[in-house]
């Protein structure tokens, strides 16, 4: 028996012989939106009952059925129990080109016989319909990508970083401004939020009595320092109007701190859903920053552990490749407590171990799998402790020379 070729097009599914004559066909809906949905369903390997019936009719006279699309072939093989073959052919491209061509003769006849639909008979109508279907599919893909929760976490953690930069700028301005009136407070109160809250609530330095400061929740040692400094301050007096403007500025700063706290809570909730395994190892904020640098959770999952280890240190890495300098041992992973609190000579080994566990966690989170975050975290803690014990002291000069000779 002769082969038949199963060809998918933007307007329907066709079964052709080796002369590109149509044996069977199932056309999509004339509505571009519905046709786009049907084409997307077909491309995902799903066939309607009418398509299966059409393929069975073709298989009664032609065998095997040659497919371009592997997913469709597997579906037909499993459901219809028909003889199938998967291989690239030129039949499909020839047929699709003739459907969209404006030539006379055989190509026009093929279009008329193949489509038999008023909205597809002319080349312009066919091409316009295909363009509408393509746009519908593109819109659906963009909407699907935008709906991914990991991208929401990426935007939220970037918003947190922007807020941190803004708050640091505002805090510097507030400290410099209020320092004209009460300069000693700058070295006593380190936390920016507390500094702004005291200005907003108490105002002039004369109000910094032990009773008022205790009411704001400061520890006893700071209360005594602040009250004593307020009594002996070398700052200038401040006008009520000037102080009112500064207090309004501090209230704005405190509102930004509240918004940052809400954003942080949102990131924690999203990351527990999107990347529970990564979150169990390094927490939601650092997990979200890694995803942010990679662009998406799927991109991060596809990276090798060695790349994940230096995410955030791209400039140092490329500088090392260009100049031959020592490459970085870690990027944003330095923010993790076990890395930045370890001695310098241990950080690279600990960061490498951490990157390996995060790489496994990212793949589980991105492509599905059982929750293993607690186990991965325990494995990392055990390995990190072994590294600390094995490399408790820094390598000496003699060891470095031996390593150099071996290389």
Protein backbone atom coordinates (compact mmCIF):
# COMPACT_ATOMS: atom_id res chain seq x y z
CA UNK A 1 0.00 0.00 0.00
CA UNK A 2 1.06 3.58 -0.58
CA UNK A 3 2.01 5.99 2.18
CA UNK A 4 -0.28 8.84 3.27
CA UNK A 5 0.99 12.02 4.87
CA UNK A 6 -0.72 13.64 7.87
CA UNK A 7 -0.17 17.40 7.69
CA UNK A 8 -1.22 20.01 10.22
CA UNK A 9 -1.96 23.54 8.98
CA UNK A 10 -3.34 26.67 10.66
CA UNK A 11 -6.77 25.90 9.15
CA UNK A 12 -7.09 22.16 9.79
CA UNK A 13 -5.66 18.64 9.62
CA UNK A 14 -5.11 17.08 6.18
CA UNK A 15 -4.20 13.62 4.94
CA UNK A 16 -2.41 13.74 1.54
CA UNK A 17 -1.05 11.30 -0.97
CA UNK A 18 2.38 11.66 -2.54
CA UNK A 19 0.95 14.02 -5.20
CA UNK A 20 -0.42 16.37 -2.47
CA UNK A 21 -3.98 15.37 -3.27
CA UNK A 22 -6.32 15.58 -0.28
CA UNK A 23 -7.53 12.18 0.94
CA UNK A 24 -9.18 13.30 4.18
CA UNK A 25 -9.47 16.62 5.97
CA UNK A 26 -10.87 18.15 9.17
CA UNK A 27 -11.13 21.95 9.04
CA UNK A 28 -11.02 24.16 12.12
CA UNK A 29 -13.75 26.62 13.10
CA UNK A 30 -14.12 29.78 10.93
CA UNK A 31 -13.81 31.79 14.17
CA UNK A 32 -10.07 32.70 14.52
CA UNK A 33 -10.17 32.45 18.32
CA UNK A 34 -11.71 28.97 18.29
CA UNK A 35 -9.44 27.90 15.43
CA UNK A 36 -6.39 29.02 17.44
CA UNK A 37 -7.55 26.95 20.40
CA UNK A 38 -8.09 23.91 18.16
CA UNK A 39 -4.63 24.33 16.58
CA UNK A 40 -3.02 24.65 20.00
CA UNK A 41 -4.81 21.50 21.11
CA UNK A 42 -3.62 19.68 17.98
CA UNK A 43 -0.01 20.81 18.51
CA UNK A 44 -0.12 19.44 22.05
CA UNK A 45 -0.89 15.98 20.62
CA UNK A 46 -4.64 15.92 21.26
CA UNK A 47 -6.97 14.66 18.51
CA UNK A 48 -10.75 14.98 18.31
CA UNK A 49 -12.88 11.89 17.58
CA UNK A 50 -13.62 13.22 14.09
CA UNK A 51 -9.88 13.44 13.39
CA UNK A 52 -9.35 9.87 14.58
CA UNK A 53 -12.17 8.70 12.30
CA UNK A 54 -10.68 10.54 9.33
CA UNK A 55 -7.29 8.93 9.96
CA UNK A 56 -8.87 5.48 10.21
CA UNK A 57 -10.59 6.00 6.84
CA UNK A 58 -7.28 7.04 5.29
CA UNK A 59 -5.47 4.07 6.87
CA UNK A 60 -7.94 1.66 5.23
CA UNK A 61 -6.47 2.60 1.83
CA UNK A 62 -3.00 3.89 2.70
CA UNK A 63 -0.37 2.51 5.01
CA UNK A 64 1.59 3.64 6.92
CA UNK A 65 0.49 7.15 7.93
CA UNK A 66 3.53 9.44 7.87
CA UNK A 67 3.53 12.18 10.53
CA UNK A 68 5.60 15.32 10.89
CA UNK A 69 4.54 15.78 14.52
CA UNK A 70 5.76 13.13 16.97
CA UNK A 71 3.11 13.91 19.58
CA UNK A 72 0.30 13.32 17.09
CA UNK A 73 1.89 10.10 15.91
CA UNK A 74 2.11 8.73 19.44
CA UNK A 75 -1.52 9.67 20.14
CA UNK A 76 -2.74 7.93 16.98
CA UNK A 77 -0.59 4.91 17.69
CA UNK A 78 -1.99 4.58 21.22
CA UNK A 79 -5.64 5.44 20.56
CA UNK A 80 -6.29 4.36 16.99
CA UNK A 81 -3.87 1.44 16.83
CA UNK A 82 -2.89 2.48 13.31
CA UNK A 83 0.43 1.94 11.54
CA UNK A 84 2.38 5.21 11.84
CA UNK A 85 5.75 6.49 10.75
CA UNK A 86 7.56 9.65 11.92
CA UNK A 87 9.89 11.35 9.48
CA UNK A 88 10.42 14.80 7.91
CA UNK A 89 8.97 15.19 4.40
CA UNK A 90 8.65 17.97 1.85
CA UNK A 91 4.97 17.17 1.23
CA UNK A 92 3.76 19.33 4.12
CA UNK A 93 5.74 22.42 3.11
CA UNK A 94 4.65 22.09 -0.51
CA UNK A 95 0.99 21.81 0.48
CA UNK A 96 1.07 24.74 2.90
CA UNK A 97 2.82 26.93 0.31
CA UNK A 98 0.18 26.11 -2.30
CA UNK A 99 -2.65 26.91 0.10
CA UNK A 100 -1.27 30.42 0.62
CA UNK A 101 -0.09 31.04 -2.94
CA UNK A 102 -1.80 33.29 -5.50
CA UNK A 103 -0.72 31.31 -8.56
CA UNK A 104 -3.15 30.11 -11.18
CA UNK A 105 -3.69 26.60 -12.40
CA UNK A 106 -3.06 23.61 -10.15
CA UNK A 107 -2.40 25.64 -6.97
CA UNK A 108 -5.73 27.45 -7.22
CA UNK A 109 -7.44 24.12 -7.84
CA UNK A 110 -5.74 22.63 -4.76
CA UNK A 111 -6.95 25.54 -2.64
CA UNK A 112 -10.51 25.25 -3.93
CA UNK A 113 -10.67 21.47 -3.47
CA UNK A 114 -8.89 21.50 -0.10
CA UNK A 115 -10.61 24.30 1.76
CA UNK A 116 -14.15 24.54 0.33
CA UNK A 117 -14.88 27.44 2.63
CA UNK A 118 -15.81 31.00 1.56
CA UNK A 119 -13.56 32.62 4.17
CA UNK A 120 -10.49 30.70 2.92
CA UNK A 121 -10.84 30.39 -0.88
CA UNK A 122 -8.85 33.47 -1.92
CA UNK A 123 -5.16 33.72 -1.02
CA UNK A 124 -5.69 37.05 0.74
CA UNK A 125 -8.52 35.63 2.84
CA UNK A 126 -6.47 32.55 3.71
CA UNK A 127 -3.39 34.57 4.70
CA UNK A 128 -5.47 37.01 6.74
CA UNK A 129 -7.14 34.13 8.58
CA UNK A 130 -3.76 32.54 9.33
CA UNK A 131 -2.45 35.90 10.60
CA UNK A 132 -5.42 36.21 12.98
CA UNK A 133 -4.84 32.68 14.29
CA UNK A 134 -1.13 33.42 14.85
CA UNK A 135 -1.98 36.58 16.78
CA UNK A 136 -4.47 34.70 18.95
CA UNK A 137 -1.89 32.05 19.80
CA UNK A 138 0.73 34.71 20.57
CA UNK A 139 -1.69 36.55 22.88
CA UNK A 140 -2.55 33.32 24.67
CA UNK A 141 1.14 32.49 25.18
CA UNK A 142 1.90 35.97 26.51
CA UNK A 143 -1.06 35.76 28.89
CA UNK A 144 0.02 32.30 30.05
CA UNK A 145 3.59 33.46 30.68
CA UNK A 146 2.42 36.57 32.52
CA UNK A 147 0.19 34.47 34.78
CA UNK A 148 3.07 32.42 36.16
CA UNK A 149 3.46 32.95 39.88
CA UNK A 150 7.25 32.85 39.82
CA UNK A 151 7.28 36.00 37.67
CA UNK A 152 5.11 37.73 40.27
CA UNK A 153 7.64 36.79 42.92
CA UNK A 154 10.43 38.16 40.70
CA UNK A 155 8.70 41.52 40.36
CA UNK A 156 7.92 41.65 44.08
CA UNK A 157 11.50 41.00 45.17
CA UNK A 158 12.75 43.60 42.68
CA UNK A 159 10.23 46.03 44.18
CA UNK A 160 11.69 45.23 47.61
CA UNK A 161 15.19 46.00 46.34
CA UNK A 162 13.96 49.31 44.90
CA UNK A 163 12.29 50.14 48.21
CA UNK A 164 15.50 49.37 50.10
CA UNK A 165 17.47 51.74 47.87
CA UNK A 166 14.82 54.44 48.24
CA UNK A 167 14.59 54.02 52.00
CA UNK A 168 18.36 54.22 52.38
CA UNK A 169 18.40 57.47 50.42
CA UNK A 170 15.55 58.93 52.48
CA UNK A 171 17.12 57.76 55.74
CA UNK A 172 20.40 59.45 54.87
CA UNK A 173 18.56 62.69 54.13
CA UNK A 174 16.52 62.49 57.36
CA UNK A 175 19.61 61.87 59.50
CA UNK A 176 21.49 64.74 57.92
CA UNK A 177 18.49 67.06 58.24
CA UNK A 178 17.61 66.19 61.86
CA UNK A 179 21.31 66.20 62.71
CA UNK A 180 21.21 69.98 62.49
CA UNK A 181 18.99 69.93 65.57
CA UNK A 182 20.06 66.76 67.42
CA UNK A 183 23.34 65.40 65.95
CA UNK A 184 24.11 63.06 68.87
CA UNK A 185 21.08 60.88 68.09
CA UNK A 186 22.69 59.64 64.86
CA UNK A 187 25.25 57.43 66.63
CA UNK A 188 22.81 56.23 69.35
CA UNK A 189 19.96 55.03 67.10
CA UNK A 190 21.25 52.81 64.30
CA UNK A 191 17.97 51.48 62.89
CA UNK A 192 16.53 53.87 60.30
CA UNK A 193 12.91 52.99 61.03
CA UNK A 194 13.30 53.66 64.76
CA UNK A 195 15.10 56.93 64.02
CA UNK A 196 12.24 58.14 61.82
CA UNK A 197 9.57 57.00 64.28
CA UNK A 198 11.17 58.94 67.16
CA UNK A 199 11.27 62.12 65.08
CA UNK A 200 7.67 61.65 63.97
CA UNK A 201 6.37 61.03 67.51
CA UNK A 202 8.63 63.19 69.72
CA UNK A 203 9.80 66.04 67.48
CA UNK A 204 12.17 68.40 69.31
CA UNK A 205 15.02 67.03 71.41
CA UNK A 206 13.45 68.55 74.53
CA UNK A 207 10.77 65.84 74.25
CA UNK A 208 13.32 63.03 74.61
CA UNK A 209 12.65 62.44 78.30
CA UNK A 210 13.12 58.93 79.76
CA UNK A 211 9.35 58.49 80.04
CA UNK A 212 8.67 59.42 76.40
CA UNK A 213 11.52 57.33 75.02
CA UNK A 214 10.53 54.26 77.06
CA UNK A 215 7.01 54.58 75.63
CA UNK A 216 8.50 54.09 72.15
CA UNK A 217 9.88 50.69 73.13
CA UNK A 218 13.62 51.42 73.30
CA UNK A 219 15.83 49.34 75.63
CA UNK A 220 16.87 50.86 78.98
CA UNK A 221 20.52 51.49 78.04
CA UNK A 222 19.52 53.43 74.93
CA UNK A 223 16.91 55.39 76.88
CA UNK A 224 19.51 56.75 79.29
CA UNK A 225 21.98 57.57 76.49
CA UNK A 226 19.36 59.35 74.42
CA UNK A 227 17.89 61.35 77.29
CA UNK A 228 21.33 62.45 78.46
CA UNK A 229 22.43 63.37 74.93
CA UNK A 230 19.24 65.41 74.43
CA UNK A 231 19.97 67.46 77.53
CA UNK A 232 23.56 68.20 76.47
CA UNK A 233 23.04 68.41 72.68
CA UNK A 234 25.15 70.86 70.67
CA UNK A 235 22.56 71.09 67.90
CA UNK A 236 20.77 74.23 66.81
CA UNK A 237 17.22 75.10 67.71
CA UNK A 238 14.53 74.19 65.20
CA UNK A 239 11.44 76.13 64.14
CA UNK A 240 8.02 74.50 64.38
CA UNK A 241 7.41 74.94 60.65
CA UNK A 242 10.72 73.30 59.72
CA UNK A 243 10.13 70.43 62.12
CA UNK A 244 6.62 69.84 60.74
CA UNK A 245 8.00 69.37 57.22
CA UNK A 246 10.66 66.94 58.49
CA UNK A 247 8.07 64.98 60.47
CA UNK A 248 5.90 64.64 57.35
CA UNK A 249 8.97 63.31 55.53
CA UNK A 250 9.49 60.76 58.32
CA UNK A 251 5.84 59.66 58.16
CA UNK A 252 6.26 59.00 54.44
CA UNK A 253 9.35 56.96 55.23
CA UNK A 254 7.44 54.91 57.82
CA UNK A 255 4.65 54.21 55.28
CA UNK A 256 7.27 52.88 52.87
CA UNK A 257 8.55 50.57 55.60
CA UNK A 258 5.01 49.26 56.11
CA UNK A 259 4.64 48.67 52.38
CA UNK A 260 7.98 46.86 52.27
CA UNK A 261 6.83 44.59 55.08
CA UNK A 262 3.65 43.75 53.16
CA UNK A 263 5.70 43.03 50.05
CA UNK A 264 8.01 40.76 52.01
CA UNK A 265 5.03 38.82 53.37
CA UNK A 266 3.67 38.51 49.84
CA UNK A 267 7.01 37.16 48.56
CA UNK A 268 7.10 34.60 51.37
CA UNK A 269 3.58 33.37 50.56
CA UNK A 270 4.23 33.14 46.81
CA UNK A 271 7.60 31.41 47.17
CA UNK A 272 6.14 28.75 49.45
CA UNK A 273 3.76 27.89 46.61
CA UNK A 274 6.10 28.36 43.64
CA UNK A 275 9.41 27.04 45.00
CA UNK A 276 8.84 25.26 48.32
CA UNK A 277 12.04 23.21 48.08
CA UNK A 278 14.28 26.22 47.44
CA UNK A 279 12.49 28.18 50.15
CA UNK A 280 13.11 25.39 52.66
CA UNK A 281 16.85 25.60 52.00
CA UNK A 282 17.67 29.33 51.78
CA UNK A 283 14.40 31.11 52.57
CA UNK A 284 11.96 32.99 50.34
CA UNK A 285 13.89 36.23 49.77
CA UNK A 286 17.12 34.66 48.53
CA UNK A 287 15.20 32.10 46.47
CA UNK A 288 13.26 34.89 44.79
CA UNK A 289 16.48 36.83 44.07
CA UNK A 290 18.02 33.79 42.39
CA UNK A 291 14.90 33.37 40.25
CA UNK A 292 14.96 37.11 39.49
CA UNK A 293 18.55 36.97 38.20
CA UNK A 294 17.84 33.84 36.15
CA UNK A 295 14.65 35.37 34.70
CA UNK A 296 12.29 32.56 35.72
CA UNK A 297 12.18 29.40 37.79
CA UNK A 298 12.41 27.27 34.64
CA UNK A 299 15.55 29.09 33.51
CA UNK A 300 17.10 28.58 36.93
CA UNK A 301 16.23 24.88 36.88
CA UNK A 302 18.02 24.45 33.56
CA UNK A 303 21.25 25.98 34.84
CA UNK A 304 24.11 23.81 36.07
CA UNK A 305 25.02 24.17 39.74
CA UNK A 306 28.29 25.90 38.81
CA UNK A 307 26.35 28.69 37.08
CA UNK A 308 23.87 29.02 39.93
CA UNK A 309 26.79 29.38 42.35
CA UNK A 310 28.03 32.62 40.74
CA UNK A 311 24.65 34.22 39.91
CA UNK A 312 24.92 37.87 40.83
CA UNK A 313 28.70 37.99 40.25
CA UNK A 314 28.60 38.14 36.45
CA UNK A 315 30.85 41.20 36.21
CA UNK A 316 33.54 39.61 38.36
CA UNK A 317 33.25 36.36 36.39
CA UNK A 318 33.67 37.99 32.98
CA UNK A 319 36.49 40.16 34.32
CA UNK A 320 38.23 36.99 35.50
CA UNK A 321 37.77 35.35 32.10
CA UNK A 322 39.13 38.43 30.36
CA UNK A 323 42.09 39.26 32.60
CA UNK A 324 42.96 35.87 34.04
CA UNK A 325 42.22 37.02 37.60
CA UNK A 326 40.79 34.66 40.19
CA UNK A 327 37.13 33.87 39.43
CA UNK A 328 34.41 34.61 42.02
CA UNK A 329 33.44 31.82 44.39
CA UNK A 330 29.88 33.01 44.97
CA UNK A 331 27.35 35.62 43.92
CA UNK A 332 24.14 36.38 45.82
CA UNK A 333 24.65 33.11 47.71
CA UNK A 334 27.01 35.18 49.85
CA UNK A 335 23.85 36.56 51.52
CA UNK A 336 23.15 33.14 53.02
CA UNK A 337 24.23 32.97 56.67
CA UNK A 338 26.25 29.75 56.34
CA UNK A 339 28.32 31.35 53.59
CA UNK A 340 29.02 34.90 54.77
CA UNK A 341 29.59 33.93 58.42
CA UNK A 342 32.16 31.29 57.51
CA UNK A 343 35.90 32.02 57.23
CA UNK A 344 37.08 33.25 53.85
CA UNK A 345 38.82 29.99 52.86
CA UNK A 346 35.64 27.95 53.51
CA UNK A 347 33.13 30.11 51.67
CA UNK A 348 33.79 28.78 48.17
CA UNK A 349 33.36 25.14 49.23
CA UNK A 350 30.21 25.88 51.20
CA UNK A 351 28.76 27.95 48.34
CA UNK A 352 29.49 25.09 45.91
CA UNK A 353 27.66 22.63 48.15
CA UNK A 354 24.75 25.02 48.60
CA UNK A 355 24.48 25.58 44.83
CA UNK A 356 24.32 21.83 44.25
CA UNK A 357 21.40 21.39 46.65
CA UNK A 358 19.61 24.46 45.24
CA UNK A 359 20.02 23.14 41.70
CA UNK A 360 18.24 19.92 42.69
CA UNK A 361 15.53 21.88 44.54
CA UNK A 362 14.93 24.21 41.57
CA UNK A 363 14.43 21.28 39.21
CA UNK A 364 11.95 19.64 41.57
CA UNK A 365 10.04 22.91 41.95
CA UNK A 366 10.03 23.69 38.22
CA UNK A 367 9.25 20.29 36.75
CA UNK A 368 7.29 18.65 39.54
CA UNK A 369 8.20 16.14 42.19
CA UNK A 370 7.82 15.30 45.85
CA UNK A 371 8.83 17.82 48.50
CA UNK A 372 12.45 17.20 49.50
CA UNK A 373 13.35 20.61 50.91
CA UNK A 374 13.89 19.44 54.48
CA UNK A 375 16.08 16.54 53.40
CA UNK A 376 18.15 18.74 51.09
CA UNK A 377 18.57 21.30 53.86
CA UNK A 378 19.70 18.60 56.32
CA UNK A 379 22.15 17.22 53.76
CA UNK A 380 23.59 20.68 53.17
CA UNK A 381 23.96 21.38 56.90
CA UNK A 382 25.77 18.08 57.38
CA UNK A 383 28.12 18.73 54.44
CA UNK A 384 28.79 22.33 55.56
CA UNK A 385 29.71 21.09 59.03
CA UNK A 386 32.12 18.56 57.51
CA UNK A 387 33.76 21.34 55.48
CA UNK A 388 34.19 23.50 58.59
CA UNK A 389 35.83 20.65 60.46
CA UNK A 390 38.05 19.52 57.58
CA UNK A 391 39.22 23.03 56.72
CA UNK A 392 39.25 24.53 60.20
CA UNK A 393 42.51 26.40 59.62
CA UNK A 394 43.51 28.45 56.57
CA UNK A 395 45.81 26.82 54.01
CA UNK A 396 49.46 27.70 54.64
CA UNK A 397 51.96 29.02 52.06
CA UNK A 398 53.56 25.59 51.71
CA UNK A 399 50.24 24.02 50.75
CA UNK A 400 49.63 26.70 48.13
CA UNK A 401 53.06 26.08 46.58
CA UNK A 402 52.40 22.31 46.48
CA UNK A 403 49.08 22.90 44.78
CA UNK A 404 50.79 25.19 42.25
CA UNK A 405 53.44 22.57 41.46
CA UNK A 406 50.80 19.88 40.96
CA UNK A 407 48.99 22.08 38.48
